[in-house]
Amino acid sequence: MSKRYTAEFKRDAVALVRSSPHRNVTEIARELGVSPEGLRGWVSRTAPTGARADPAS
């Protein structure tokens, strides 16, 4: 069973990844309690400027 996260949580997680270039996604995912693959997906679905799709979609 997969866990559901709010759009706000996903946006904050993506922002944390983008604002922490010295840290890897796996480390941040572990800290947040999410899977590294899921966090990478959220990041890849969101442009750096936030212009693309919402990571919640």
Protein backbone atom coordinates (compact mmCIF):
# COMPACT_ATOMS: atom_id res chain seq x y z
CA MET A 1 0.00 0.00 0.00
CA SER A 2 1.47 3.32 -1.02
CA LYS A 3 1.46 6.30 1.25
CA ARG A 4 -0.22 9.54 0.14
CA TYR A 5 1.40 12.92 0.72
CA THR A 6 -0.19 16.35 0.50
CA ALA A 7 0.67 18.71 -2.33
CA GLU A 8 2.17 21.07 0.25
CA PHE A 9 4.47 18.33 1.60
CA LYS A 10 5.62 17.47 -1.93
CA ARG A 11 6.27 21.13 -2.80
CA ASP A 12 8.27 21.59 0.40
CA ALA A 13 10.25 18.40 -0.26
CA VAL A 14 11.10 19.50 -3.81
CA ALA A 15 12.10 22.94 -2.53
CA LEU A 16 14.38 21.31 0.03
CA VAL A 17 16.10 19.23 -2.67
CA ARG A 18 16.57 22.26 -4.92
CA SER A 19 17.91 24.42 -2.08
CA SER A 20 20.39 21.76 -0.92
CA PRO A 21 22.76 21.11 -3.84
CA HIS A 22 25.40 19.70 -1.49
CA ARG A 23 23.05 16.91 -0.29
CA ASN A 24 21.82 13.96 -2.32
CA VAL A 25 18.19 12.99 -2.82
CA THR A 26 18.59 9.71 -0.92
CA GLU A 27 19.78 11.53 2.20
CA ILE A 28 16.92 14.04 2.05
CA ALA A 29 14.35 11.31 1.37
CA ARG A 30 15.55 9.34 4.39
CA GLU A 31 15.27 12.46 6.54
CA LEU A 32 11.70 13.08 5.33
CA GLY A 33 10.63 9.45 5.57
CA VAL A 34 9.84 9.04 1.87
CA SER A 35 11.30 6.79 -0.80
CA PRO A 36 14.20 8.19 -2.81
CA GLU A 37 12.45 7.09 -6.03
CA GLY A 38 9.29 8.96 -5.09
CA LEU A 39 11.18 12.13 -4.20
CA ARG A 40 13.13 11.96 -7.48
CA GLY A 41 9.83 11.65 -9.32
CA TRP A 42 8.42 14.73 -7.61
CA VAL A 43 11.56 16.68 -8.49
CA SER A 44 11.57 15.54 -12.12
CA ARG A 45 7.89 16.51 -12.57
CA THR A 46 8.59 20.04 -11.35
CA ALA A 47 10.66 22.57 -13.28
CA PRO A 48 13.25 24.51 -11.23
CA THR A 49 11.12 27.63 -11.61
CA GLY A 50 7.96 25.75 -10.68
CA ALA A 51 6.56 26.41 -14.15
CA ARG A 52 5.72 22.76 -14.96
CA ALA A 53 3.24 20.40 -13.45
CA ASP A 54 2.56 20.37 -9.75
CA PRO A 55 4.44 17.47 -8.05
CA ALA A 56 1.13 16.49 -6.48
CA SER A 57 -0.22 15.35 -9.82
